Protein backbone atom coordinates (compact mmCIF):
# COMPACT_ATOMS: atom_id res chain seq x y z
CA MET A 1 4.79 -7.02 -20.06
CA ARG A 2 1.38 -8.72 -19.78
CA VAL A 3 1.07 -9.77 -16.13
CA PHE A 4 -1.39 -12.26 -14.66
CA VAL A 5 -2.26 -11.17 -11.11
CA THR A 6 -4.17 -13.18 -8.52
CA GLY A 7 -5.73 -11.21 -5.67
CA GLY A 8 -5.64 -8.06 -7.75
CA THR A 9 -8.60 -6.31 -6.09
CA GLY A 10 -7.53 -6.60 -2.44
CA LEU A 11 -5.72 -4.01 -0.35
CA ILE A 12 -2.30 -5.01 -1.67
CA GLY A 13 -3.42 -6.28 -5.07
CA SER A 14 -5.20 -3.09 -6.09
CA ALA A 15 -2.04 -1.15 -5.30
CA VAL A 16 0.06 -3.62 -7.31
CA VAL A 17 -2.28 -3.42 -10.31
CA ALA A 18 -2.13 0.39 -10.27
CA GLU A 19 1.67 0.28 -9.98
CA LEU A 20 1.98 -2.11 -12.94
CA LEU A 21 -0.38 -0.12 -15.14
CA GLY A 22 1.39 3.09 -14.21
CA HIS A 23 4.67 1.66 -15.49
CA GLY A 24 3.49 0.47 -18.89
CA HIS A 25 2.47 -3.11 -18.12
CA THR A 26 -0.93 -4.62 -18.89
CA VAL A 27 -2.77 -6.73 -16.34
CA LEU A 28 -4.95 -9.82 -16.51
CA ALA A 29 -6.58 -10.05 -13.08
CA LEU A 30 -8.16 -13.14 -11.55
CA ALA A 31 -11.67 -12.22 -10.36
CA ARG A 32 -13.67 -14.61 -8.21
CA SER A 33 -16.93 -12.60 -8.33
CA ASP A 34 -18.82 -10.14 -10.50
CA THR A 35 -17.93 -7.41 -8.00
CA SER A 36 -14.22 -8.23 -8.27
CA ALA A 37 -14.45 -8.35 -12.06
CA LEU A 38 -16.04 -4.90 -12.15
CA ALA A 39 -13.40 -3.54 -9.77
CA ALA A 40 -10.58 -4.98 -11.88
CA ALA A 41 -12.02 -3.53 -15.06
CA ALA A 42 -12.53 -0.14 -13.43
CA ALA A 43 -8.88 -0.13 -12.41
CA GLY A 44 -7.81 -0.74 -16.01
CA ALA A 45 -7.14 -4.49 -15.84
CA GLU A 46 -8.71 -7.26 -17.89
CA PRO A 47 -10.69 -9.55 -15.56
CA LEU A 48 -10.47 -13.34 -15.77
CA ARG A 49 -13.30 -14.99 -13.85
CA GLY A 50 -12.29 -17.69 -11.40
CA GLY A 51 -10.83 -18.36 -7.97
CA LEU A 52 -7.71 -20.02 -6.56
CA ALA A 53 -9.45 -23.40 -6.61
CA ASP A 54 -10.09 -23.13 -10.38
CA LEU A 55 -6.80 -24.66 -11.50
CA ASP A 56 -7.69 -24.72 -15.20
CA VAL A 57 -8.38 -20.98 -15.06
CA LEU A 58 -5.02 -20.41 -13.39
CA ARG A 59 -3.27 -22.40 -16.11
CA ALA A 60 -5.00 -20.34 -18.78
CA GLY A 61 -4.10 -17.05 -17.11
CA ALA A 62 -0.46 -17.96 -16.65
CA GLY A 63 -0.30 -19.44 -20.14
CA GLU A 64 -1.12 -16.17 -21.86
CA ALA A 65 0.99 -13.93 -19.62
CA ASP A 66 4.60 -12.79 -19.74
CA GLY A 67 4.78 -13.03 -15.97
CA VAL A 68 2.70 -13.83 -12.88
CA ILE A 69 2.26 -12.12 -9.53
CA HIS A 70 0.43 -14.23 -6.95
CA LEU A 71 -1.27 -12.38 -4.08
CA ALA A 72 -4.59 -14.16 -3.45
CA PHE A 73 -5.26 -15.95 -0.18
CA ALA A 74 -8.49 -16.88 1.60
CA ASN A 75 -7.92 -14.85 4.76
CA ASP A 76 -10.08 -17.06 6.96
CA PHE A 77 -8.58 -17.11 10.45
CA SER A 78 -11.74 -18.33 12.16
CA GLY A 79 -10.11 -21.59 13.26
CA PRO A 80 -7.32 -24.08 12.55
CA GLU A 81 -9.36 -26.05 10.00
CA ALA A 82 -10.31 -22.97 7.99
CA LEU A 83 -6.71 -21.78 7.99
CA ALA A 84 -5.44 -25.20 6.90
CA THR A 85 -7.96 -25.25 4.05
CA ALA A 86 -6.81 -21.82 2.86
CA VAL A 87 -3.15 -22.87 2.96
CA ALA A 88 -3.88 -26.08 1.01
CA GLU A 89 -5.81 -24.16 -1.62
CA GLU A 90 -2.98 -21.69 -2.11
CA SER A 91 -0.37 -24.45 -2.26
CA ALA A 92 -2.23 -26.20 -5.07
CA ALA A 93 -2.64 -22.91 -6.92
CA LEU A 94 1.08 -22.12 -6.70
CA ALA A 95 2.01 -25.60 -7.90
CA THR A 96 -0.29 -25.13 -10.90
CA LEU A 97 1.11 -21.71 -11.78
CA GLY A 98 4.66 -23.02 -11.49
CA GLU A 99 3.96 -26.02 -13.71
CA GLU A 100 2.55 -23.77 -16.41
CA LEU A 101 5.70 -21.64 -16.44
CA LEU A 102 8.28 -24.45 -16.44
CA GLY A 103 11.10 -23.88 -18.92
CA SER A 104 9.83 -20.47 -19.99
CA ASP A 105 12.18 -18.21 -17.99
CA ARG A 106 9.12 -16.08 -17.23
CA PRO A 107 8.85 -14.49 -13.77
CA LEU A 108 6.63 -15.90 -11.03
CA VAL A 109 6.49 -13.53 -8.06
CA THR A 110 4.77 -14.98 -5.02
CA VAL A 111 3.98 -13.53 -1.63
CA SER A 112 5.51 -14.75 1.59
CA GLY A 113 5.94 -13.52 5.16
CA THR A 114 9.00 -12.21 6.94
CA PRO A 115 10.33 -14.91 9.30
CA ASN A 116 10.94 -14.34 12.99
CA VAL A 117 14.47 -14.99 14.25
CA PRO A 118 15.04 -15.02 18.02
CA GLY A 119 17.19 -12.15 19.23
CA ARG A 120 17.49 -10.13 16.03
CA ALA A 121 15.75 -8.69 12.99
CA SER A 122 15.26 -11.26 10.24
CA THR A 123 16.95 -10.73 6.89
CA GLU A 124 16.38 -11.87 3.34
CA SER A 125 18.86 -14.73 3.80
CA ASP A 126 16.88 -16.33 6.62
CA PRO A 127 14.79 -19.36 5.59
CA PRO A 128 10.99 -19.13 5.54
CA VAL A 129 8.93 -20.47 8.43
CA THR A 130 7.80 -24.00 7.52
CA GLU A 131 6.22 -25.05 10.82
CA GLY A 132 3.33 -23.74 12.89
CA PRO A 133 -0.13 -22.43 11.90
CA VAL A 134 0.99 -21.07 8.51
CA GLY A 135 4.03 -23.30 7.94
CA GLY A 136 2.36 -24.75 4.85
CA ARG A 137 2.66 -21.37 3.16
CA GLY A 138 6.41 -21.39 3.78
CA ARG A 139 6.73 -24.86 2.29
CA ALA A 140 4.75 -23.81 -0.79
CA VAL A 141 6.96 -20.75 -1.29
CA THR A 142 10.08 -22.90 -0.92
CA ALA A 143 8.76 -25.14 -3.71
CA VAL A 144 8.20 -22.08 -5.90
CA LEU A 145 11.75 -20.83 -5.34
CA ASP A 146 13.08 -24.28 -6.18
CA LEU A 147 11.59 -23.83 -9.67
CA ALA A 148 14.55 -21.55 -10.39
CA SER A 149 16.42 -24.70 -11.46
CA ARG A 150 13.61 -25.62 -13.86
CA GLY A 151 13.41 -22.53 -16.03
CA VAL A 152 11.15 -20.29 -13.94
CA ARG A 153 12.35 -16.88 -12.74
CA SER A 154 10.69 -17.47 -9.40
CA THR A 155 11.00 -15.00 -6.55
CA ALA A 156 9.23 -14.18 -3.28
CA VAL A 157 8.32 -10.83 -1.81
CA ARG A 158 8.12 -11.28 1.94
CA LEU A 159 5.51 -9.06 3.53
CA PRO A 160 5.59 -8.01 7.19
CA ARG A 161 2.72 -8.80 9.54
CA THR A 162 1.04 -5.49 8.74
CA VAL A 163 0.59 -4.06 5.26
CA HIS A 164 -1.46 -0.93 5.81
CA HIS A 165 -3.22 1.88 3.97
CA GLN A 166 -5.47 4.57 5.46
CA GLY A 167 -5.36 2.93 8.88
CA THR A 168 -6.49 -0.52 7.77
CA GLY A 169 -4.85 -3.83 6.86
CA GLY A 170 -2.76 -6.64 8.27
CA PHE A 171 -2.33 -7.65 11.89
CA ALA A 172 -2.87 -4.07 13.08
CA GLY A 173 -6.18 -4.12 11.21
CA LEU A 174 -7.11 -7.33 13.02
CA LEU A 175 -6.27 -5.66 16.35
CA THR A 176 -8.58 -2.80 15.39
CA ASP A 177 -11.40 -5.16 14.42
CA ILE A 178 -11.06 -7.10 17.69
CA ALA A 179 -10.96 -3.86 19.69
CA ARG A 180 -14.21 -2.69 18.09
CA ARG A 181 -15.83 -6.05 18.85
CA THR A 182 -14.61 -6.49 22.43
CA GLY A 183 -14.42 -2.91 23.66
CA VAL A 184 -10.74 -3.28 24.60
CA SER A 185 -7.67 -2.39 22.55
CA GLY A 186 -5.59 -5.38 23.55
CA TYR A 187 -2.08 -6.71 23.10
CA PRO A 188 -0.72 -10.17 24.00
CA GLY A 189 1.65 -10.51 26.95
CA ASP A 190 3.50 -7.34 27.91
CA GLY A 191 3.15 -5.92 24.39
CA ALA A 192 6.91 -5.46 23.98
CA GLN A 193 7.04 -7.76 20.96
CA ARG A 194 7.78 -5.93 17.72
CA TRP A 195 5.93 -6.19 14.42
CA PRO A 196 7.38 -4.94 11.13
CA ALA A 197 5.14 -3.04 8.74
CA VAL A 198 4.93 -1.47 5.28
CA HIS A 199 2.53 0.81 3.46
CA ALA A 200 0.63 -0.98 0.68
CA LEU A 201 1.75 1.57 -1.91
CA ASP A 202 5.41 0.96 -1.03
CA ALA A 203 4.91 -2.82 -1.13
CA ALA A 204 3.39 -2.50 -4.61
CA VAL A 205 6.58 -0.88 -5.91
CA LEU A 206 8.64 -3.81 -4.64
CA PHE A 207 6.39 -6.35 -6.36
CA ARG A 208 6.93 -4.51 -9.64
CA LEU A 209 10.70 -4.34 -9.13
CA ALA A 210 10.83 -8.05 -8.34
CA LEU A 211 8.84 -8.83 -11.48
CA GLU A 212 11.13 -6.71 -13.64
CA GLN A 213 14.56 -7.26 -12.07
CA ALA A 214 14.83 -10.05 -9.51
CA GLU A 215 17.01 -13.07 -10.20
CA ALA A 216 15.51 -16.55 -9.98
CA GLY A 217 15.30 -18.14 -6.56
CA THR A 218 15.57 -14.92 -4.55
CA SER A 219 13.58 -13.48 -1.63
CA TRP A 220 13.01 -9.82 -0.80
CA HIS A 221 11.71 -7.97 2.24
CA ALA A 222 8.97 -5.37 1.85
CA VAL A 223 9.75 -3.82 5.23
CA ALA A 224 9.58 -0.10 5.95
CA ASP A 225 9.23 -0.14 9.76
CA GLU A 226 11.57 -2.78 11.23
CA GLY A 227 9.40 -3.22 14.32
CA ASP A 228 6.83 -1.23 16.32
CA THR A 229 5.86 -2.70 19.68
CA VAL A 230 2.38 -4.19 19.74
CA ARG A 231 1.67 -2.12 22.84
CA ASP A 232 2.39 1.08 20.91
CA ILE A 233 0.15 -0.11 18.06
CA ALA A 234 -2.67 -0.95 20.51
CA THR A 235 -2.22 2.42 22.21
CA VAL A 236 -2.88 4.34 19.00
CA ILE A 237 -5.86 2.11 18.20
CA GLY A 238 -7.27 2.60 21.70
CA ARG A 239 -6.88 6.37 21.53
CA ARG A 240 -8.51 6.59 18.11
CA LEU A 241 -11.44 4.39 19.20
CA GLY A 242 -11.74 5.80 22.72
CA LEU A 243 -11.17 2.37 24.29
CA PRO A 244 -9.02 1.13 27.19
CA VAL A 245 -5.65 -0.40 26.32
CA GLU A 246 -4.62 -3.53 28.18
CA SER A 247 -3.00 -6.95 27.94
CA VAL A 248 -5.24 -9.81 26.81
CA PRO A 249 -4.65 -13.59 26.58
CA PRO A 250 -3.09 -14.86 23.31
CA GLU A 251 -6.20 -17.05 22.92
CA THR A 252 -8.06 -13.84 22.07
CA TYR A 253 -6.50 -14.09 18.61
CA GLY A 254 -7.52 -17.68 17.86
CA PRO A 255 -5.11 -19.70 15.69
CA LEU A 256 -2.94 -16.62 15.21
CA GLY A 257 -2.30 -16.29 18.95
CA PRO A 258 1.20 -17.85 18.89
CA ILE A 259 2.21 -15.64 15.95
CA PHE A 260 0.79 -12.49 17.58
CA ALA A 261 2.86 -13.18 20.71
CA ASN A 262 6.19 -13.45 18.85
CA ASP A 263 8.84 -10.76 18.67
CA GLN A 264 9.48 -10.57 14.93
CA PRO A 265 11.38 -7.47 13.76
CA SER A 266 12.67 -7.60 10.20
CA SER A 267 15.16 -5.75 8.00
CA SER A 268 15.05 -4.78 4.31
CA THR A 269 18.60 -3.46 4.01
CA HIS A 270 19.60 -5.98 1.31
CA THR A 271 16.40 -5.37 -0.67
CA GLN A 272 16.88 -1.62 -0.64
CA GLN A 273 20.55 -1.84 -1.61
CA THR A 274 20.05 -4.41 -4.38
CA LEU A 275 16.78 -3.38 -6.03
CA GLY A 276 16.88 0.32 -5.20
CA TRP A 277 13.58 0.14 -3.35
CA ARG A 278 12.88 3.10 -1.06
CA PRO A 279 9.73 3.22 1.11
CA LYS A 280 8.31 6.75 1.16
CA HIS A 281 4.73 6.53 2.44
CA PRO A 282 3.57 7.03 6.08
CA SER A 283 4.74 4.67 8.81
CA LEU A 284 2.27 2.35 10.51
CA LEU A 285 1.85 4.46 13.65
CA LYS A 286 1.21 7.57 11.56
CA ASP A 287 -1.18 5.74 9.25
CA LEU A 288 -3.20 4.39 12.20
CA GLU A 289 -4.17 7.99 12.93
CA ASN A 290 -6.61 7.53 10.01
CA ILE A 291 -8.72 5.08 12.04
CA GLN A 292 -12.23 6.45 12.38
CA PRO A 293 -13.86 6.27 15.84
């Protein structure tokens, strides 16, 4: 299968591209810079120059592909306006990709986030979050899944708050960055809230399985660790960096503060049983041992 991939040179995307190529697919990778184009080519993909805002480029990429995996997102969490701009850009990109695939029965695999459900671990049957700082992403994914009735084999891989590799990535990576900057390895509140996690190499396998097997209109959970407490995560970070570990105000995390403070464990039981996905790489707490002081 010839697969058009957006975000193919990031932490998750590079793993997805390698997974696709390793299983006989070819990859056309969106590349927003010369550096990204060189990285895509070095990985064995064919680069297509452009960014998420270049809708004509997205149409062209999807038009010549047998399937699409969307991963790109402008991870600008500097403030509410920047985050809203990133969400709007992604929403327009997804609408464009979906329109190009209408009536083709080709797969469109998009990325989503695991929802938080008070009192229990979320499952694949729970609806996406459509309110709050990133609610626009949930609404865009819902629109993609609705394309199942219009001849698109649309599906969503829901990622947990931390997708990690070699001690970096996701919300845990943001905690590490903030700890380096502030001199404190912090956690919001009492730190008892739980965050799910997955290794990037395990997540990549699920994206491939969804592309190859998933039925239209379905959602899947790329969750290996159902929920580590944020205090435990901060403790490992603090030990690796030689910094004190303590509670900090949610405002420390800017527009993500309300999300950071939520208890949000998640399950992937249905995904593992249905698609045969089995995470096998190190857990988050083990992987954080790779953080360099």
